[in-house]
Amino acid sequence: MREISIQERIRILREELYRISYQLNYELTHPKLVTISQQLDHLLNQYSKIQQKV
């Protein structure tokens, strides 16, 4: 099984965030959206650290 790159995981989470926010009528404080947003923040921070090392 191929490992998903960090860029791909970021893309997937972004799409999920957009989709669910639309389904929840853009209720941005909904716990599900907050959780996904935090996961995305974590990945973006990881990606930023990787890019700084390059």
N, C-alpha and C. Protein backbone atom coordinates (compact mmCIF):
# COMPACT_ATOMS: atom_id res chain seq x y z
N MET A 1 0.84 -1.18 0.00
CA MET A 1 0.00 0.00 0.00
C MET A 1 0.88 1.24 0.00
N ARG A 2 0.55 2.19 -0.84
CA ARG A 2 1.39 3.37 -0.96
C ARG A 2 1.07 4.37 0.14
N GLU A 3 2.11 4.98 0.65
CA GLU A 3 1.94 6.00 1.68
C GLU A 3 1.45 7.30 1.03
N ILE A 4 0.51 7.93 1.67
CA ILE A 4 -0.03 9.19 1.14
C ILE A 4 0.89 10.32 1.57
N SER A 5 1.27 11.17 0.63
CA SER A 5 2.16 12.28 0.95
C SER A 5 1.44 13.31 1.83
N ILE A 6 2.23 14.11 2.49
CA ILE A 6 1.64 15.13 3.35
C ILE A 6 0.82 16.13 2.52
N GLN A 7 1.28 16.43 1.31
CA GLN A 7 0.51 17.34 0.45
C GLN A 7 -0.85 16.75 0.10
N GLU A 8 -0.87 15.46 -0.15
CA GLU A 8 -2.13 14.78 -0.48
C GLU A 8 -3.07 14.77 0.73
N ARG A 9 -2.52 14.51 1.90
CA ARG A 9 -3.35 14.52 3.12
C ARG A 9 -3.91 15.92 3.37
N ILE A 10 -3.12 16.95 3.11
CA ILE A 10 -3.59 18.34 3.25
C ILE A 10 -4.73 18.59 2.28
N ARG A 11 -4.55 18.17 1.05
CA ARG A 11 -5.60 18.37 0.04
C ARG A 11 -6.90 17.67 0.44
N ILE A 12 -6.77 16.44 0.90
CA ILE A 12 -7.95 15.67 1.30
C ILE A 12 -8.67 16.33 2.48
N LEU A 13 -7.91 16.75 3.47
CA LEU A 13 -8.54 17.41 4.62
C LEU A 13 -9.19 18.73 4.23
N ARG A 14 -8.55 19.47 3.36
CA ARG A 14 -9.15 20.73 2.89
C ARG A 14 -10.50 20.48 2.22
N GLU A 15 -10.50 19.50 1.34
CA GLU A 15 -11.75 19.17 0.64
C GLU A 15 -12.83 18.73 1.63
N GLU A 16 -12.43 17.94 2.61
CA GLU A 16 -13.38 17.50 3.63
C GLU A 16 -13.90 18.69 4.44
N LEU A 17 -13.01 19.60 4.77
CA LEU A 17 -13.41 20.80 5.52
C LEU A 17 -14.42 21.62 4.73
N TYR A 18 -14.16 21.84 3.46
CA TYR A 18 -15.08 22.60 2.61
C TYR A 18 -16.43 21.89 2.50
N ARG A 19 -16.37 20.59 2.26
CA ARG A 19 -17.61 19.82 2.07
C ARG A 19 -18.47 19.82 3.33
N ILE A 20 -17.84 19.56 4.45
CA ILE A 20 -18.61 19.49 5.70
C ILE A 20 -19.10 20.86 6.13
N SER A 21 -18.29 21.87 5.91
CA SER A 21 -18.76 23.23 6.27
C SER A 21 -19.98 23.60 5.45
N TYR A 22 -20.01 23.19 4.19
CA TYR A 22 -21.18 23.44 3.35
C TYR A 22 -22.39 22.67 3.90
N GLN A 23 -22.17 21.41 4.26
CA GLN A 23 -23.27 20.59 4.78
C GLN A 23 -23.81 21.15 6.10
N LEU A 24 -22.94 21.76 6.88
CA LEU A 24 -23.34 22.32 8.17
C LEU A 24 -23.74 23.79 8.06
N ASN A 25 -23.96 24.22 6.82
CA ASN A 25 -24.39 25.60 6.56
C ASN A 25 -23.39 26.63 7.12
N TYR A 26 -22.12 26.29 7.01
CA TYR A 26 -21.01 27.17 7.41
C TYR A 26 -21.04 27.55 8.88
N GLU A 27 -21.50 26.63 9.70
CA GLU A 27 -21.46 26.82 11.15
C GLU A 27 -20.03 26.50 11.61
N LEU A 28 -19.18 27.50 11.57
CA LEU A 28 -17.74 27.29 11.71
C LEU A 28 -17.30 26.86 13.10
N THR A 29 -18.18 26.97 14.08
CA THR A 29 -17.81 26.55 15.43
C THR A 29 -18.29 25.14 15.75
N HIS A 30 -18.84 24.45 14.76
CA HIS A 30 -19.30 23.08 14.98
C HIS A 30 -18.10 22.22 15.35
N PRO A 31 -18.24 21.35 16.37
CA PRO A 31 -17.10 20.53 16.83
C PRO A 31 -16.43 19.71 15.72
N LYS A 32 -17.20 19.20 14.79
CA LYS A 32 -16.61 18.41 13.71
C LYS A 32 -15.69 19.28 12.84
N LEU A 33 -16.14 20.49 12.54
CA LEU A 33 -15.30 21.39 11.75
C LEU A 33 -14.06 21.83 12.51
N VAL A 34 -14.23 22.08 13.78
CA VAL A 34 -13.08 22.49 14.59
C VAL A 34 -12.03 21.38 14.61
N THR A 35 -12.47 20.15 14.75
CA THR A 35 -11.55 19.01 14.77
C THR A 35 -10.80 18.88 13.45
N ILE A 36 -11.52 18.96 12.35
CA ILE A 36 -10.87 18.86 11.04
C ILE A 36 -9.91 20.02 10.83
N SER A 37 -10.32 21.20 11.23
CA SER A 37 -9.46 22.37 11.09
C SER A 37 -8.17 22.20 11.90
N GLN A 38 -8.27 21.66 13.09
CA GLN A 38 -7.08 21.43 13.92
C GLN A 38 -6.17 20.39 13.27
N GLN A 39 -6.76 19.36 12.70
CA GLN A 39 -5.95 18.35 12.00
C GLN A 39 -5.22 18.98 10.82
N LEU A 40 -5.94 19.81 10.10
CA LEU A 40 -5.33 20.48 8.95
C LEU A 40 -4.20 21.42 9.40
N ASP A 41 -4.44 22.17 10.47
CA ASP A 41 -3.39 23.04 11.03
C ASP A 41 -2.14 22.24 11.37
N HIS A 42 -2.34 21.10 11.99
CA HIS A 42 -1.21 20.26 12.38
C HIS A 42 -0.41 19.82 11.14
N LEU A 43 -1.11 19.38 10.11
CA LEU A 43 -0.43 18.96 8.88
C LEU A 43 0.29 20.13 8.21
N LEU A 44 -0.35 21.27 8.20
CA LEU A 44 0.28 22.45 7.59
C LEU A 44 1.53 22.86 8.35
N ASN A 45 1.50 22.75 9.66
CA ASN A 45 2.69 23.05 10.46
C ASN A 45 3.80 22.05 10.17
N GLN A 46 3.44 20.78 10.06
CA GLN A 46 4.44 19.76 9.71
C GLN A 46 5.07 20.05 8.35
N TYR A 47 4.22 20.37 7.39
CA TYR A 47 4.69 20.66 6.05
C TYR A 47 5.63 21.87 6.05
N SER A 48 5.26 22.88 6.81
CA SER A 48 6.09 24.08 6.90
C SER A 48 7.47 23.75 7.48
N LYS A 49 7.51 22.92 8.49
CA LYS A 49 8.79 22.53 9.08
C LYS A 49 9.65 21.75 8.09
N ILE A 50 9.00 20.88 7.32
CA ILE A 50 9.72 20.12 6.31
C ILE A 50 10.31 21.06 5.26
N GLN A 51 9.53 22.02 4.83
CA GLN A 51 9.98 22.96 3.80
C GLN A 51 11.12 23.83 4.29
N GLN A 52 11.12 24.16 5.56
CA GLN A 52 12.19 24.98 6.12
C GLN A 52 13.53 24.24 6.14
N LYS A 53 13.47 22.93 6.26
CA LYS A 53 14.69 22.12 6.29
C LYS A 53 15.30 21.96 4.90
N VAL A 54 14.51 22.13 3.88
CA VAL A 54 14.99 21.90 2.50
C VAL A 54 15.77 23.07 2.01
